[in-house]
Amino acid sequence: MDTALLNGEFDLDGRGMPYLISGLAELMQSVYIRLKMKRASFIYSRELGSELDGTAQLEDAIHSRAELLAREAVADVPQTRLGALNVSRCENGKIKISLEVSLGDESGTVEVTV
Protein backbone atom coordinates (compact mmCIF):
# COMPACT_ATOMS: atom_id res chain seq x y z
CA MET A 1 0.00 0.00 0.00
CA ASP A 2 1.02 3.58 -0.65
CA THR A 3 -0.39 7.03 -0.01
CA ALA A 4 -2.15 8.53 -3.03
CA LEU A 5 -0.48 11.59 -4.55
CA LEU A 6 -1.97 14.36 -6.67
CA ASN A 7 0.23 17.06 -8.23
CA GLY A 8 3.08 16.26 -5.84
CA GLU A 9 0.95 16.49 -2.69
CA PHE A 10 -1.10 13.96 -0.76
CA ASP A 11 -4.48 13.33 -2.37
CA LEU A 12 -7.11 13.87 0.31
CA ASP A 13 -10.47 12.26 0.94
CA GLY A 14 -13.66 14.10 1.88
CA ARG A 15 -12.46 14.45 5.50
CA GLY A 16 -9.17 16.05 4.42
CA MET A 17 -7.17 12.92 5.21
CA PRO A 18 -4.70 11.19 2.86
CA TYR A 19 -5.93 7.87 1.60
CA LEU A 20 -4.15 4.66 0.71
CA ILE A 21 -3.99 3.01 -2.69
CA SER A 22 -3.02 -0.52 -3.64
CA GLY A 23 -2.98 -2.85 -6.60
CA LEU A 24 -2.91 -1.33 -10.08
CA ALA A 25 -3.34 2.24 -8.79
CA GLU A 26 -0.27 1.88 -6.56
CA LEU A 27 1.71 0.33 -9.41
CA MET A 28 0.77 3.10 -11.84
CA GLN A 29 1.72 5.78 -9.31
CA SER A 30 5.09 4.11 -8.74
CA VAL A 31 5.77 3.92 -12.49
CA TYR A 32 4.74 7.57 -12.94
CA ILE A 33 7.13 8.72 -10.19
CA ARG A 34 10.01 6.69 -11.62
CA LEU A 35 9.47 8.13 -15.10
CA LYS A 36 8.92 11.73 -14.02
CA MET A 37 11.69 12.03 -11.42
CA LYS A 38 15.20 12.82 -12.60
CA ARG A 39 17.59 9.94 -11.82
CA ALA A 40 19.69 10.43 -8.66
CA SER A 41 17.61 13.41 -7.47
CA PHE A 42 16.10 11.48 -4.52
CA ILE A 43 18.72 11.50 -1.78
CA TYR A 44 17.57 8.25 -0.15
CA SER A 45 17.75 6.19 -3.34
CA ARG A 46 20.07 7.45 -6.08
CA GLU A 47 18.91 4.71 -8.48
CA LEU A 48 15.30 5.93 -8.40
CA GLY A 49 14.12 7.95 -11.40
CA SER A 50 14.93 8.16 -15.09
CA GLU A 51 17.13 10.04 -17.51
CA LEU A 52 14.20 10.94 -19.77
CA ASP A 53 14.64 14.66 -19.13
CA GLY A 54 17.38 14.85 -21.79
CA THR A 55 15.43 12.93 -24.41
CA ALA A 56 13.40 15.92 -25.65
CA GLN A 57 16.55 17.48 -27.15
CA LEU A 58 17.18 14.48 -29.39
CA GLU A 59 16.26 14.71 -33.04
CA ASP A 60 16.96 11.14 -34.19
CA ALA A 61 15.84 7.84 -32.67
CA ILE A 62 13.79 9.61 -30.01
CA HIS A 63 11.31 6.74 -29.68
CA SER A 64 13.89 4.02 -29.21
CA ARG A 65 15.93 6.11 -26.74
CA ALA A 66 12.84 7.04 -24.70
CA GLU A 67 11.68 3.43 -24.67
CA LEU A 68 15.05 2.20 -23.44
CA LEU A 69 15.22 4.80 -20.65
CA ALA A 70 11.59 4.29 -19.58
CA ARG A 71 11.89 0.51 -19.39
CA GLU A 72 15.17 0.85 -17.48
CA ALA A 73 13.56 3.22 -14.96
CA VAL A 74 10.72 0.83 -14.10
CA ALA A 75 12.55 -2.48 -14.48
CA ASP A 76 12.69 -3.13 -10.74
CA VAL A 77 9.03 -2.37 -9.94
CA PRO A 78 7.76 -5.70 -8.59
CA GLN A 79 5.07 -7.72 -10.40
CA THR A 80 4.96 -5.28 -13.32
CA ARG A 81 4.41 -6.16 -16.94
CA LEU A 82 5.09 -3.36 -19.38
CA GLY A 83 3.29 -3.20 -22.68
CA ALA A 84 3.17 -0.74 -25.54
CA LEU A 85 5.10 2.50 -25.24
CA ASN A 86 4.29 5.53 -27.39
CA VAL A 87 6.33 8.71 -27.67
CA SER A 88 5.08 11.95 -29.17
CA ARG A 89 6.54 15.43 -29.30
CA CYS A 90 4.46 18.26 -27.82
CA GLU A 91 4.21 21.75 -29.32
CA ASN A 92 6.35 23.17 -26.48
CA GLY A 93 9.27 20.88 -27.40
CA LYS A 94 8.71 18.41 -24.58
CA ILE A 95 7.88 14.77 -25.18
CA LYS A 96 4.88 12.82 -23.99
CA ILE A 97 5.33 9.16 -23.11
CA SER A 98 2.42 6.74 -22.75
CA LEU A 99 3.26 3.36 -21.25
CA GLU A 100 0.88 0.44 -20.79
CA VAL A 101 1.29 -1.21 -17.37
CA SER A 102 -0.26 -4.50 -16.23
CA LEU A 103 -0.66 -6.15 -12.84
CA GLY A 104 -2.26 -9.57 -13.00
CA ASP A 105 -5.31 -9.24 -15.25
CA GLU A 106 -5.64 -5.46 -14.77
CA SER A 107 -3.96 -2.89 -16.99
CA GLY A 108 -3.77 0.87 -17.34
CA THR A 109 -1.82 3.58 -19.14
CA VAL A 110 0.64 5.93 -17.47
CA GLU A 111 1.28 9.24 -19.27
CA VAL A 112 4.25 11.47 -18.48
CA THR A 113 5.43 14.70 -20.12
CA VAL A 114 9.15 15.47 -19.80
C-alpha atoms as a PDB file:
ATOM      1  CA  MET A   1       0.000   0.000   0.000  1.00  0.00           C
ATOM      2  CA  ASP A   2       1.019   3.576  -0.654  1.00  0.00           C
ATOM      3  CA  THR A   3      -0.392   7.034  -0.014  1.00  0.00           C
ATOM      4  CA  ALA A   4      -2.154   8.528  -3.026  1.00  0.00           C
ATOM      5  CA  LEU A   5      -0.483  11.589  -4.548  1.00  0.00           C
ATOM      6  CA  LEU A   6      -1.974  14.363  -6.675  1.00  0.00           C
ATOM      7  CA  ASN A   7       0.235  17.059  -8.231  1.00  0.00           C
ATOM      8  CA  GLY A   8       3.085  16.259  -5.840  1.00  0.00           C
ATOM      9  CA  GLU A   9       0.949  16.491  -2.691  1.00  0.00           C
ATOM     10  CA  PHE A  10      -1.102  13.959  -0.759  1.00  0.00           C
ATOM     11  CA  ASP A  11      -4.481  13.330  -2.370  1.00  0.00           C
ATOM     12  CA  LEU A  12      -7.108  13.868   0.307  1.00  0.00           C
ATOM     13  CA  ASP A  13     -10.468  12.257   0.935  1.00  0.00           C
ATOM     14  CA  GLY A  14     -13.657  14.103   1.884  1.00  0.00           C
ATOM     15  CA  ARG A  15     -12.455  14.450   5.502  1.00  0.00           C
ATOM     16  CA  GLY A  16      -9.171  16.050   4.424  1.00  0.00           C
ATOM     17  CA  MET A  17      -7.166  12.919   5.213  1.00  0.00           C
ATOM     18  CA  PRO A  18      -4.701  11.189   2.864  1.00  0.00           C
ATOM     19  CA  TYR A  19      -5.928   7.867   1.598  1.00  0.00           C
ATOM     20  CA  LEU A  20      -4.147   4.660   0.708  1.00  0.00           C
ATOM     21  CA  ILE A  21      -3.989   3.010  -2.688  1.00  0.00           C
ATOM     22  CA  SER A  22      -3.016  -0.520  -3.645  1.00  0.00           C
ATOM     23  CA  GLY A  23      -2.984  -2.853  -6.603  1.00  0.00           C
ATOM     24  CA  LEU A  24      -2.907  -1.334 -10.079  1.00  0.00           C
ATOM     25  CA  ALA A  25      -3.343   2.244  -8.789  1.00  0.00           C
ATOM     26  CA  GLU A  26      -0.275   1.878  -6.561  1.00  0.00           C
ATOM     27  CA  LEU A  27       1.712   0.335  -9.410  1.00  0.00           C
ATOM     28  CA  MET A  28       0.768   3.099 -11.841  1.00  0.00           C
ATOM     29  CA  GLN A  29       1.718   5.782  -9.315  1.00  0.00           C
ATOM     30  CA  SER A  30       5.094   4.113  -8.741  1.00  0.00           C
ATOM     31  CA  VAL A  31       5.766   3.922 -12.491  1.00  0.00           C
ATOM     32  CA  TYR A  32       4.744   7.572 -12.941  1.00  0.00           C
ATOM     33  CA  ILE A  33       7.130   8.715 -10.187  1.00  0.00           C
ATOM     34  CA  ARG A  34      10.008   6.693 -11.616  1.00  0.00           C
ATOM     35  CA  LEU A  35       9.474   8.125 -15.100  1.00  0.00           C
ATOM     36  CA  LYS A  36       8.923  11.731 -14.024  1.00  0.00           C
ATOM     37  CA  MET A  37      11.690  12.033 -11.424  1.00  0.00           C
ATOM     38  CA  LYS A  38      15.204  12.822 -12.602  1.00  0.00           C
ATOM     39  CA  ARG A  39      17.587   9.945 -11.816  1.00  0.00           C
ATOM     40  CA  ALA A  40      19.693  10.427  -8.661  1.00  0.00           C
ATOM     41  CA  SER A  41      17.613  13.410  -7.465  1.00  0.00           C
ATOM     42  CA  PHE A  42      16.103  11.479  -4.523  1.00  0.00           C
ATOM     43  CA  ILE A  43      18.725  11.504  -1.780  1.00  0.00           C
ATOM     44  CA  TYR A  44      17.573   8.247  -0.149  1.00  0.00           C
ATOM     45  CA  SER A  45      17.755   6.193  -3.345  1.00  0.00           C
ATOM     46  CA  ARG A  46      20.070   7.455  -6.079  1.00  0.00           C
ATOM     47  CA  GLU A  47      18.906   4.713  -8.476  1.00  0.00           C
ATOM     48  CA  LEU A  48      15.299   5.935  -8.398  1.00  0.00           C
ATOM     49  CA  GLY A  49      14.115   7.947 -11.403  1.00  0.00           C
ATOM     50  CA  SER A  50      14.928   8.159 -15.091  1.00  0.00           C
ATOM     51  CA  GLU A  51      17.127  10.040 -17.514  1.00  0.00           C
ATOM     52  CA  LEU A  52      14.197  10.941 -19.771  1.00  0.00           C
ATOM     53  CA  ASP A  53      14.644  14.664 -19.131  1.00  0.00           C
ATOM     54  CA  GLY A  54      17.380  14.850 -21.790  1.00  0.00           C
ATOM     55  CA  THR A  55      15.428  12.932 -24.414  1.00  0.00           C
ATOM     56  CA  ALA A  56      13.402  15.922 -25.649  1.00  0.00           C
ATOM     57  CA  GLN A  57      16.549  17.484 -27.150  1.00  0.00           C
ATOM     58  CA  LEU A  58      17.183  14.477 -29.388  1.00  0.00           C
ATOM     59  CA  GLU A  59      16.256  14.711 -33.044  1.00  0.00           C
ATOM     60  CA  ASP A  60      16.958  11.143 -34.190  1.00  0.00           C
ATOM     61  CA  ALA A  61      15.839   7.841 -32.670  1.00  0.00           C
ATOM     62  CA  ILE A  62      13.793   9.613 -30.007  1.00  0.00           C
ATOM     63  CA  HIS A  63      11.308   6.743 -29.685  1.00  0.00           C
ATOM     64  CA  SER A  64      13.894   4.016 -29.206  1.00  0.00           C
ATOM     65  CA  ARG A  65      15.934   6.107 -26.736  1.00  0.00           C
ATOM     66  CA  ALA A  66      12.843   7.042 -24.700  1.00  0.00           C
ATOM     67  CA  GLU A  67      11.677   3.431 -24.670  1.00  0.00           C
ATOM     68  CA  LEU A  68      15.049   2.199 -23.437  1.00  0.00           C
ATOM     69  CA  LEU A  69      15.221   4.798 -20.650  1.00  0.00           C
ATOM     70  CA  ALA A  70      11.587   4.287 -19.583  1.00  0.00           C
ATOM     71  CA  ARG A  71      11.886   0.513 -19.390  1.00  0.00           C
ATOM     72  CA  GLU A  72      15.169   0.850 -17.482  1.00  0.00           C
ATOM     73  CA  ALA A  73      13.557   3.224 -14.961  1.00  0.00           C
ATOM     74  CA  VAL A  74      10.721   0.834 -14.104  1.00  0.00           C
ATOM     75  CA  ALA A  75      12.554  -2.478 -14.476  1.00  0.00           C
ATOM     76  CA  ASP A  76      12.686  -3.129 -10.741  1.00  0.00           C
ATOM     77  CA  VAL A  77       9.027  -2.366  -9.943  1.00  0.00           C
ATOM     78  CA  PRO A  78       7.756  -5.699  -8.587  1.00  0.00           C
ATOM     79  CA  GLN A  79       5.068  -7.721 -10.398  1.00  0.00           C
ATOM     80  CA  THR A  80       4.956  -5.277 -13.316  1.00  0.00           C
ATOM     81  CA  ARG A  81       4.406  -6.155 -16.941  1.00  0.00           C
ATOM     82  CA  LEU A  82       5.093  -3.358 -19.377  1.00  0.00           C
ATOM     83  CA  GLY A  83       3.294  -3.199 -22.679  1.00  0.00           C
ATOM     84  CA  ALA A  84       3.169  -0.744 -25.544  1.00  0.00           C
ATOM     85  CA  LEU A  85       5.096   2.498 -25.241  1.00  0.00           C
ATOM     86  CA  ASN A  86       4.285   5.528 -27.387  1.00  0.00           C
ATOM     87  CA  VAL A  87       6.330   8.712 -27.668  1.00  0.00           C
ATOM     88  CA  SER A  88       5.078  11.954 -29.171  1.00  0.00           C
ATOM     89  CA  ARG A  89       6.540  15.431 -29.305  1.00  0.00           C
ATOM     90  CA  CYS A  90       4.457  18.265 -27.820  1.00  0.00           C
ATOM     91  CA  GLU A  91       4.213  21.754 -29.316  1.00  0.00           C
ATOM     92  CA  ASN A  92       6.348  23.174 -26.484  1.00  0.00           C
ATOM     93  CA  GLY A  93       9.271  20.878 -27.397  1.00  0.00           C
ATOM     94  CA  LYS A  94       8.711  18.411 -24.579  1.00  0.00           C
ATOM     95  CA  ILE A  95       7.880  14.765 -25.176  1.00  0.00           C
ATOM     96  CA  LYS A  96       4.876  12.818 -23.987  1.00  0.00           C
ATOM     97  CA  ILE A  97       5.334   9.157 -23.108  1.00  0.00           C
ATOM     98  CA  SER A  98       2.419   6.738 -22.749  1.00  0.00           C
ATOM     99  CA  LEU A  99       3.259   3.359 -21.245  1.00  0.00           C
ATOM    100  CA  GLU A 100       0.884   0.440 -20.788  1.00  0.00           C
ATOM    101  CA  VAL A 101       1.288  -1.208 -17.369  1.00  0.00           C
ATOM    102  CA  SER A 102      -0.259  -4.502 -16.233  1.00  0.00           C
ATOM    103  CA  LEU A 103      -0.657  -6.146 -12.845  1.00  0.00           C
ATOM    104  CA  GLY A 104      -2.260  -9.568 -12.995  1.00  0.00           C
ATOM    105  CA  ASP A 105      -5.306  -9.244 -15.254  1.00  0.00           C
ATOM    106  CA  GLU A 106      -5.641  -5.461 -14.767  1.00  0.00           C
ATOM    107  CA  SER A 107      -3.956  -2.889 -16.990  1.00  0.00           C
ATOM    108  CA  GLY A 108      -3.770   0.865 -17.340  1.00  0.00           C
ATOM    109  CA  THR A 109      -1.819   3.578 -19.135  1.00  0.00           C
ATOM    110  CA  VAL A 110       0.638   5.931 -17.470  1.00  0.00           C
ATOM    111  CA  GLU A 111       1.283   9.238 -19.265  1.00  0.00           C
ATOM    112  CA  VAL A 112       4.253  11.468 -18.481  1.00  0.00           C
ATOM    113  CA  THR A 113       5.425  14.697 -20.121  1.00  0.00           C
ATOM    114  CA  VAL A 114       9.146  15.468 -19.796  1.00  0.00           C
END
